[in-house]
PDB file of N, CA and C in Angstrom:
ATOM      1  N   MET A   1     -24.082  12.237  -3.377  1.00  0.00           N
ATOM      2  CA  MET A   1     -24.155  10.884  -3.799  1.00  0.00           C
ATOM      3  C   MET A   1     -24.579  10.735  -5.193  1.00  0.00           C
ATOM      4  N   HIS A   2     -23.989   9.928  -6.100  1.00  0.00           N
ATOM      5  CA  HIS A   2     -24.392   9.941  -7.413  1.00  0.00           C
ATOM      6  C   HIS A   2     -25.365   8.723  -7.442  1.00  0.00           C
ATOM      7  N   VAL A   3     -26.470   8.810  -8.220  1.00  0.00           N
ATOM      8  CA  VAL A   3     -27.429   7.768  -8.389  1.00  0.00           C
ATOM      9  C   VAL A   3     -27.750   7.533  -9.826  1.00  0.00           C
ATOM     10  N   ALA A   4     -27.716   6.293 -10.310  1.00  0.00           N
ATOM     11  CA  ALA A   4     -28.108   5.826 -11.596  1.00  0.00           C
ATOM     12  C   ALA A   4     -29.625   6.122 -11.760  1.00  0.00           C
ATOM     13  N   ASN A   5     -30.023   6.908 -12.667  1.00  0.00           N
ATOM     14  CA  ASN A   5     -31.435   7.179 -12.723  1.00  0.00           C
ATOM     15  C   ASN A   5     -31.919   6.641 -14.181  1.00  0.00           C
ATOM     16  N   SER A   6     -31.433   5.736 -14.656  1.00  0.00           N
ATOM     17  CA  SER A   6     -32.086   5.010 -15.878  1.00  0.00           C
ATOM     18  C   SER A   6     -31.473   3.437 -15.596  1.00  0.00           C
ATOM     19  N   ASN A   7     -32.166   2.742 -16.603  1.00  0.00           N
ATOM     20  CA  ASN A   7     -31.791   1.340 -16.689  1.00  0.00           C
ATOM     21  C   ASN A   7     -30.433   1.059 -17.221  1.00  0.00           C
ATOM     22  N   TRP A   8     -29.961  -0.021 -17.034  1.00  0.00           N
ATOM     23  CA  TRP A   8     -28.646  -0.514 -17.734  1.00  0.00           C
ATOM     24  C   TRP A   8     -28.927  -0.568 -19.069  1.00  0.00           C
ATOM     25  N   THR A   9     -28.168  -0.056 -19.927  1.00  0.00           N
ATOM     26  CA  THR A   9     -28.141  -0.071 -21.352  1.00  0.00           C
ATOM     27  C   THR A   9     -27.030  -0.762 -21.883  1.00  0.00           C
ATOM     28  N   LEU A  10     -27.147  -1.724 -22.821  1.00  0.00           N
ATOM     29  CA  LEU A  10     -26.087  -2.463 -23.377  1.00  0.00           C
ATOM     30  C   LEU A  10     -25.732  -1.976 -24.802  1.00  0.00           C
ATOM     31  N   PRO A  11     -24.278  -2.186 -25.043  1.00  0.00           N
ATOM     32  CA  PRO A  11     -23.752  -1.819 -26.318  1.00  0.00           C
ATOM     33  C   PRO A  11     -24.596  -2.583 -27.461  1.00  0.00           C
ATOM     34  N   PRO A  12     -24.710  -2.147 -28.531  1.00  0.00           N
ATOM     35  CA  PRO A  12     -24.283  -0.997 -29.306  1.00  0.00           C
ATOM     36  C   PRO A  12     -24.909   0.473 -29.043  1.00  0.00           C
ATOM     37  N   SER A  13     -25.921   0.455 -28.272  1.00  0.00           N
ATOM     38  CA  SER A  13     -26.744   1.680 -27.705  1.00  0.00           C
ATOM     39  C   SER A  13     -25.741   2.536 -27.117  1.00  0.00           C
ATOM     40  N   LEU A  14     -25.844   3.874 -27.363  1.00  0.00           N
ATOM     41  CA  LEU A  14     -25.043   5.049 -26.852  1.00  0.00           C
ATOM     42  C   LEU A  14     -25.856   6.033 -26.185  1.00  0.00           C
ATOM     43  N   PRO A  15     -25.224   6.812 -25.357  1.00  0.00           N
ATOM     44  CA  PRO A  15     -25.849   7.846 -24.727  1.00  0.00           C
ATOM     45  C   PRO A  15     -26.005   8.934 -25.836  1.00  0.00           C
ATOM     46  N   ASP A  16     -27.111   9.735 -25.730  1.00  0.00           N
ATOM     47  CA  ASP A  16     -27.345  10.794 -26.577  1.00  0.00           C
ATOM     48  C   ASP A  16     -27.048  12.240 -26.326  1.00  0.00           C
ATOM     49  N   ASP A  17     -26.678  12.281 -24.975  1.00  0.00           N
ATOM     50  CA  ASP A  17     -26.285  13.584 -24.308  1.00  0.00           C
ATOM     51  C   ASP A  17     -24.711  13.463 -23.950  1.00  0.00           C
ATOM     52  N   PRO A  18     -23.933  14.269 -24.677  1.00  0.00           N
ATOM     53  CA  PRO A  18     -22.346  14.144 -24.389  1.00  0.00           C
ATOM     54  C   PRO A  18     -22.102  14.832 -23.103  1.00  0.00           C
ATOM     55  N   LYS A  19     -22.890  15.668 -22.463  1.00  0.00           N
ATOM     56  CA  LYS A  19     -22.665  16.301 -21.313  1.00  0.00           C
ATOM     57  C   LYS A  19     -22.981  15.561 -19.995  1.00  0.00           C
ATOM     58  N   ARG A  20     -23.688  14.550 -20.087  1.00  0.00           N
ATOM     59  CA  ARG A  20     -24.149  13.705 -18.926  1.00  0.00           C
ATOM     60  C   ARG A  20     -23.221  12.657 -18.651  1.00  0.00           C
ATOM     61  N   LEU A  21     -22.929  12.555 -17.278  1.00  0.00           N
ATOM     62  CA  LEU A  21     -22.006  11.454 -16.987  1.00  0.00           C
ATOM     63  C   LEU A  21     -22.948  10.168 -16.845  1.00  0.00           C
ATOM     64  N   CYS A  22     -22.154   9.073 -17.199  1.00  0.00           N
ATOM     65  CA  CYS A  22     -22.724   7.737 -16.922  1.00  0.00           C
ATOM     66  C   CYS A  22     -21.849   6.894 -16.159  1.00  0.00           C
ATOM     67  N   ILE A  23     -22.344   5.918 -15.479  1.00  0.00           N
ATOM     68  CA  ILE A  23     -21.732   4.914 -14.633  1.00  0.00           C
ATOM     69  C   ILE A  23     -21.550   3.813 -15.835  1.00  0.00           C
ATOM     70  N   VAL A  24     -20.386   3.365 -16.038  1.00  0.00           N
ATOM     71  CA  VAL A  24     -20.222   2.378 -17.217  1.00  0.00           C
ATOM     72  C   VAL A  24     -19.326   1.337 -16.553  1.00  0.00           C
ATOM     73  N   GLU A  25     -19.867   0.051 -16.756  1.00  0.00           N
ATOM     74  CA  GLU A  25     -19.064  -1.094 -16.276  1.00  0.00           C
ATOM     75  C   GLU A  25     -18.298  -1.547 -17.425  1.00  0.00           C
ATOM     76  N   VAL A  26     -17.080  -1.590 -17.171  1.00  0.00           N
ATOM     77  CA  VAL A  26     -15.914  -1.982 -18.217  1.00  0.00           C
ATOM     78  C   VAL A  26     -15.115  -3.046 -17.929  1.00  0.00           C
ATOM     79  N   HIS A  27     -14.784  -3.868 -18.847  1.00  0.00           N
ATOM     80  CA  HIS A  27     -13.700  -4.958 -18.756  1.00  0.00           C
ATOM     81  C   HIS A  27     -12.571  -4.580 -19.245  1.00  0.00           C
ATOM     82  N   HIS A  28     -11.605  -4.582 -18.425  1.00  0.00           N
ATOM     83  CA  HIS A  28     -10.225  -4.131 -18.914  1.00  0.00           C
ATOM     84  C   HIS A  28      -9.425  -5.342 -19.180  1.00  0.00           C
ATOM     85  N   THR A  29      -9.347  -5.592 -20.600  1.00  0.00           N
ATOM     86  CA  THR A  29      -8.834  -6.728 -21.017  1.00  0.00           C
ATOM     87  C   THR A  29      -7.416  -7.066 -20.710  1.00  0.00           C
ATOM     88  N   ARG A  30      -6.654  -6.221 -20.583  1.00  0.00           N
ATOM     89  CA  ARG A  30      -5.036  -6.292 -20.425  1.00  0.00           C
ATOM     90  C   ARG A  30      -4.889  -6.942 -19.045  1.00  0.00           C
ATOM     91  N   ILE A  31      -5.813  -6.335 -18.100  1.00  0.00           N
ATOM     92  CA  ILE A  31      -5.537  -6.940 -16.620  1.00  0.00           C
ATOM     93  C   ILE A  31      -6.647  -7.939 -16.203  1.00  0.00           C
ATOM     94  N   ASN A  32      -7.573  -8.235 -17.167  1.00  0.00           N
ATOM     95  CA  ASN A  32      -8.748  -9.156 -16.860  1.00  0.00           C
ATOM     96  C   ASN A  32      -9.687  -8.728 -15.605  1.00  0.00           C
ATOM     97  N   ARG A  33      -9.992  -7.473 -15.483  1.00  0.00           N
ATOM     98  CA  ARG A  33     -10.746  -7.021 -14.427  1.00  0.00           C
ATOM     99  C   ARG A  33     -11.915  -6.334 -14.863  1.00  0.00           C
ATOM    100  N   ARG A  34     -13.005  -6.231 -14.196  1.00  0.00           N
ATOM    101  CA  ARG A  34     -14.179  -5.434 -14.353  1.00  0.00           C
ATOM    102  C   ARG A  34     -14.206  -4.387 -13.357  1.00  0.00           C
ATOM    103  N   ARG A  35     -14.576  -3.093 -13.944  1.00  0.00           N
ATOM    104  CA  ARG A  35     -14.676  -2.019 -13.110  1.00  0.00           C
ATOM    105  C   ARG A  35     -15.670  -0.969 -13.389  1.00  0.00           C
ATOM    106  N   PHE A  36     -16.211  -0.262 -12.484  1.00  0.00           N
ATOM    107  CA  PHE A  36     -17.235   0.706 -12.687  1.00  0.00           C
ATOM    108  C   PHE A  36     -16.511   2.196 -12.911  1.00  0.00           C
ATOM    109  N   GLU A  37     -16.746   2.806 -13.975  1.00  0.00           N
ATOM    110  CA  GLU A  37     -16.113   4.077 -14.299  1.00  0.00           C
ATOM    111  C   GLU A  37     -17.106   5.166 -14.504  1.00  0.00           C
ATOM    112  N   LEU A  38     -16.682   6.359 -14.206  1.00  0.00           N
ATOM    113  CA  LEU A  38     -17.643   7.523 -14.622  1.00  0.00           C
ATOM    114  C   LEU A  38     -17.126   8.093 -15.898  1.00  0.00           C
ATOM    115  N   LEU A  39     -17.919   7.979 -16.853  1.00  0.00           N
ATOM    116  CA  LEU A  39     -17.548   8.519 -18.278  1.00  0.00           C
ATOM    117  C   LEU A  39     -18.631   9.217 -18.637  1.00  0.00           C
ATOM    118  N   HIS A  40     -18.480   9.776 -20.083  1.00  0.00           N
ATOM    119  CA  HIS A  40     -19.331  10.419 -20.719  1.00  0.00           C
ATOM    120  C   HIS A  40     -19.022  10.084 -22.279  1.00  0.00           C
ATOM    121  N   TRP A  41     -20.034  10.127 -23.160  1.00  0.00           N
ATOM    122  CA  TRP A  41     -19.732   9.669 -24.445  1.00  0.00           C
ATOM    123  C   TRP A  41     -19.635  10.934 -25.275  1.00  0.00           C
ATOM    124  N   ALA A  42     -18.719  11.131 -25.961  1.00  0.00           N
ATOM    125  CA  ALA A  42     -18.252  12.423 -26.597  1.00  0.00           C
ATOM    126  C   ALA A  42     -17.952  12.118 -27.947  1.00  0.00           C
ATOM    127  N   ARG A  43     -18.984  12.166 -29.055  1.00  0.00           N
ATOM    128  CA  ARG A  43     -18.622  12.044 -30.475  1.00  0.00           C
ATOM    129  C   ARG A  43     -18.435  10.596 -30.802  1.00  0.00           C
ATOM    130  N   SER A  44     -17.220  10.095 -30.684  1.00  0.00           N
ATOM    131  CA  SER A  44     -16.829   8.582 -30.953  1.00  0.00           C
ATOM    132  C   SER A  44     -16.240   7.845 -29.913  1.00  0.00           C
ATOM    133  N   ASP A  45     -16.031   8.455 -28.722  1.00  0.00           N
ATOM    134  CA  ASP A  45     -15.433   7.806 -27.661  1.00  0.00           C
ATOM    135  C   ASP A  45     -15.991   7.911 -26.130  1.00  0.00           C
ATOM    136  N   TRP A  46     -15.741   7.004 -25.331  1.00  0.00           N
ATOM    137  CA  TRP A  46     -16.016   7.149 -23.990  1.00  0.00           C
ATOM    138  C   TRP A  46     -14.728   7.956 -23.382  1.00  0.00           C
ATOM    139  N   LYS A  47     -15.211   8.941 -22.766  1.00  0.00           N
ATOM    140  CA  LYS A  47     -14.266   9.864 -22.057  1.00  0.00           C
ATOM    141  C   LYS A  47     -14.412  10.053 -20.539  1.00  0.00           C
ATOM    142  N   PHE A  48     -13.192  10.255 -19.953  1.00  0.00           N
ATOM    143  CA  PHE A  48     -13.283  10.436 -18.357  1.00  0.00           C
ATOM    144  C   PHE A  48     -13.620  11.941 -18.363  1.00  0.00           C
ATOM    145  N   GLN A  49     -13.834  12.373 -16.931  1.00  0.00           N
ATOM    146  CA  GLN A  49     -14.201  13.700 -16.728  1.00  0.00           C
ATOM    147  C   GLN A  49     -13.131  14.819 -17.144  1.00  0.00           C
ATOM    148  N   ASP A  50     -11.799  14.325 -17.113  1.00  0.00           N
ATOM    149  CA  ASP A  50     -10.785  15.250 -17.726  1.00  0.00           C
ATOM    150  C   ASP A  50     -10.542  15.146 -19.154  1.00  0.00           C
ATOM    151  N   ASN A  51     -11.511  14.510 -19.888  1.00  0.00           N
ATOM    152  CA  ASN A  51     -11.493  14.326 -21.385  1.00  0.00           C
ATOM    153  C   ASN A  51     -10.408  13.373 -21.812  1.00  0.00           C
ATOM    154  N   THR A  52      -9.923  12.581 -21.165  1.00  0.00           N
ATOM    155  CA  THR A  52      -8.839  11.559 -21.562  1.00  0.00           C
ATOM    156  C   THR A  52      -9.853  10.337 -22.150  1.00  0.00           C
ATOM    157  N   THR A  53      -9.319   9.648 -23.139  1.00  0.00           N
ATOM    158  CA  THR A  53     -10.275   8.757 -23.681  1.00  0.00           C
ATOM    159  C   THR A  53      -9.990   7.420 -23.035  1.00  0.00           C
ATOM    160  N   LEU A  54     -10.994   6.556 -22.876  1.00  0.00           N
ATOM    161  CA  LEU A  54     -10.906   5.223 -22.560  1.00  0.00           C
ATOM    162  C   LEU A  54     -10.041   4.414 -23.358  1.00  0.00           C
ATOM    163  N   SER A  55      -9.329   3.610 -22.697  1.00  0.00           N
ATOM    164  CA  SER A  55      -8.422   2.713 -23.614  1.00  0.00           C
ATOM    165  C   SER A  55      -9.036   1.872 -24.390  1.00  0.00           C
ATOM    166  N   ASN A  56      -8.479   1.524 -25.711  1.00  0.00           N
ATOM    167  CA  ASN A  56      -8.957   0.673 -26.466  1.00  0.00           C
ATOM    168  C   ASN A  56      -8.805  -0.683 -26.053  1.00  0.00           C
ATOM    169  N   GLN A  57      -8.256  -0.994 -24.950  1.00  0.00           N
ATOM    170  CA  GLN A  57      -8.109  -2.253 -24.312  1.00  0.00           C
ATOM    171  C   GLN A  57      -9.152  -2.569 -23.327  1.00  0.00           C
ATOM    172  N   ALA A  58     -10.205  -1.747 -23.237  1.00  0.00           N
ATOM    173  CA  ALA A  58     -11.279  -1.760 -22.322  1.00  0.00           C
ATOM    174  C   ALA A  58     -12.664  -1.932 -23.129  1.00  0.00           C
ATOM    175  N   GLN A  59     -13.450  -2.861 -22.776  1.00  0.00           N
ATOM    176  CA  GLN A  59     -14.688  -3.152 -23.332  1.00  0.00           C
ATOM    177  C   GLN A  59     -15.747  -2.677 -22.462  1.00  0.00           C
ATOM    178  N   VAL A  60     -16.676  -1.872 -23.117  1.00  0.00           N
ATOM    179  CA  VAL A  60     -17.834  -1.467 -22.252  1.00  0.00           C
ATOM    180  C   VAL A  60     -18.792  -2.484 -22.267  1.00  0.00           C
ATOM    181  N   LEU A  61     -19.273  -2.937 -21.059  1.00  0.00           N
ATOM    182  CA  LEU A  61     -20.278  -3.912 -20.849  1.00  0.00           C
ATOM    183  C   LEU A  61     -21.787  -3.451 -20.770  1.00  0.00           C
ATOM    184  N   ARG A  62     -21.919  -2.263 -20.129  1.00  0.00           N
ATOM    185  CA  ARG A  62     -23.123  -1.647 -19.932  1.00  0.00           C
ATOM    186  C   ARG A  62     -22.973  -0.301 -19.320  1.00  0.00           C
ATOM    187  N   TRP A  63     -24.022   0.534 -19.523  1.00  0.00           N
ATOM    188  CA  TRP A  63     -23.952   1.815 -18.994  1.00  0.00           C
ATOM    189  C   TRP A  63     -25.231   2.393 -18.524  1.00  0.00           C
ATOM    190  N   ALA A  64     -25.379   3.370 -17.544  1.00  0.00           N
ATOM    191  CA  ALA A  64     -26.561   4.032 -17.208  1.00  0.00           C
ATOM    192  C   ALA A  64     -26.239   5.341 -16.791  1.00  0.00           C
ATOM    193  N   TYR A  65     -27.229   6.418 -17.219  1.00  0.00           N
ATOM    194  CA  TYR A  65     -27.073   7.764 -16.847  1.00  0.00           C
ATOM    195  C   TYR A  65     -27.043   7.960 -15.306  1.00  0.00           C
ATOM    196  N   LEU A  66     -26.334   8.979 -14.793  1.00  0.00           N
ATOM    197  CA  LEU A  66     -26.220   9.310 -13.480  1.00  0.00           C
ATOM    198  C   LEU A  66     -27.047  10.670 -13.226  1.00  0.00           C
ATOM    199  N   ASP A  67     -27.573  10.732 -12.133  1.00  0.00           N
ATOM    200  CA  ASP A  67     -28.233  11.776 -11.722  1.00  0.00           C
ATOM    201  C   ASP A  67     -27.362  12.595 -10.571  1.00  0.00           C
ATOM    202  N   LEU A  68     -26.830  13.507 -10.890  1.00  0.00           N
ATOM    203  CA  LEU A  68     -25.827  14.310  -9.945  1.00  0.00           C
ATOM    204  C   LEU A  68     -26.557  15.221  -8.909  1.00  0.00           C
TER     205      LEU A  68
END
């Protein structure tokens, strides 16, 4: 089971470890829905585990590190 092991952090603060997964609350503007996604911050983008980039139509609301 994945467990968030940090407090929720709000943008513009970003993770400092690109290898650690985060649980990220995202607002998908096109469909007007909020979802939780497993992502990691790599250089300048939020990415999924398969390294695809989070859509630019999605707004990150908050994030927390996961303890796997």
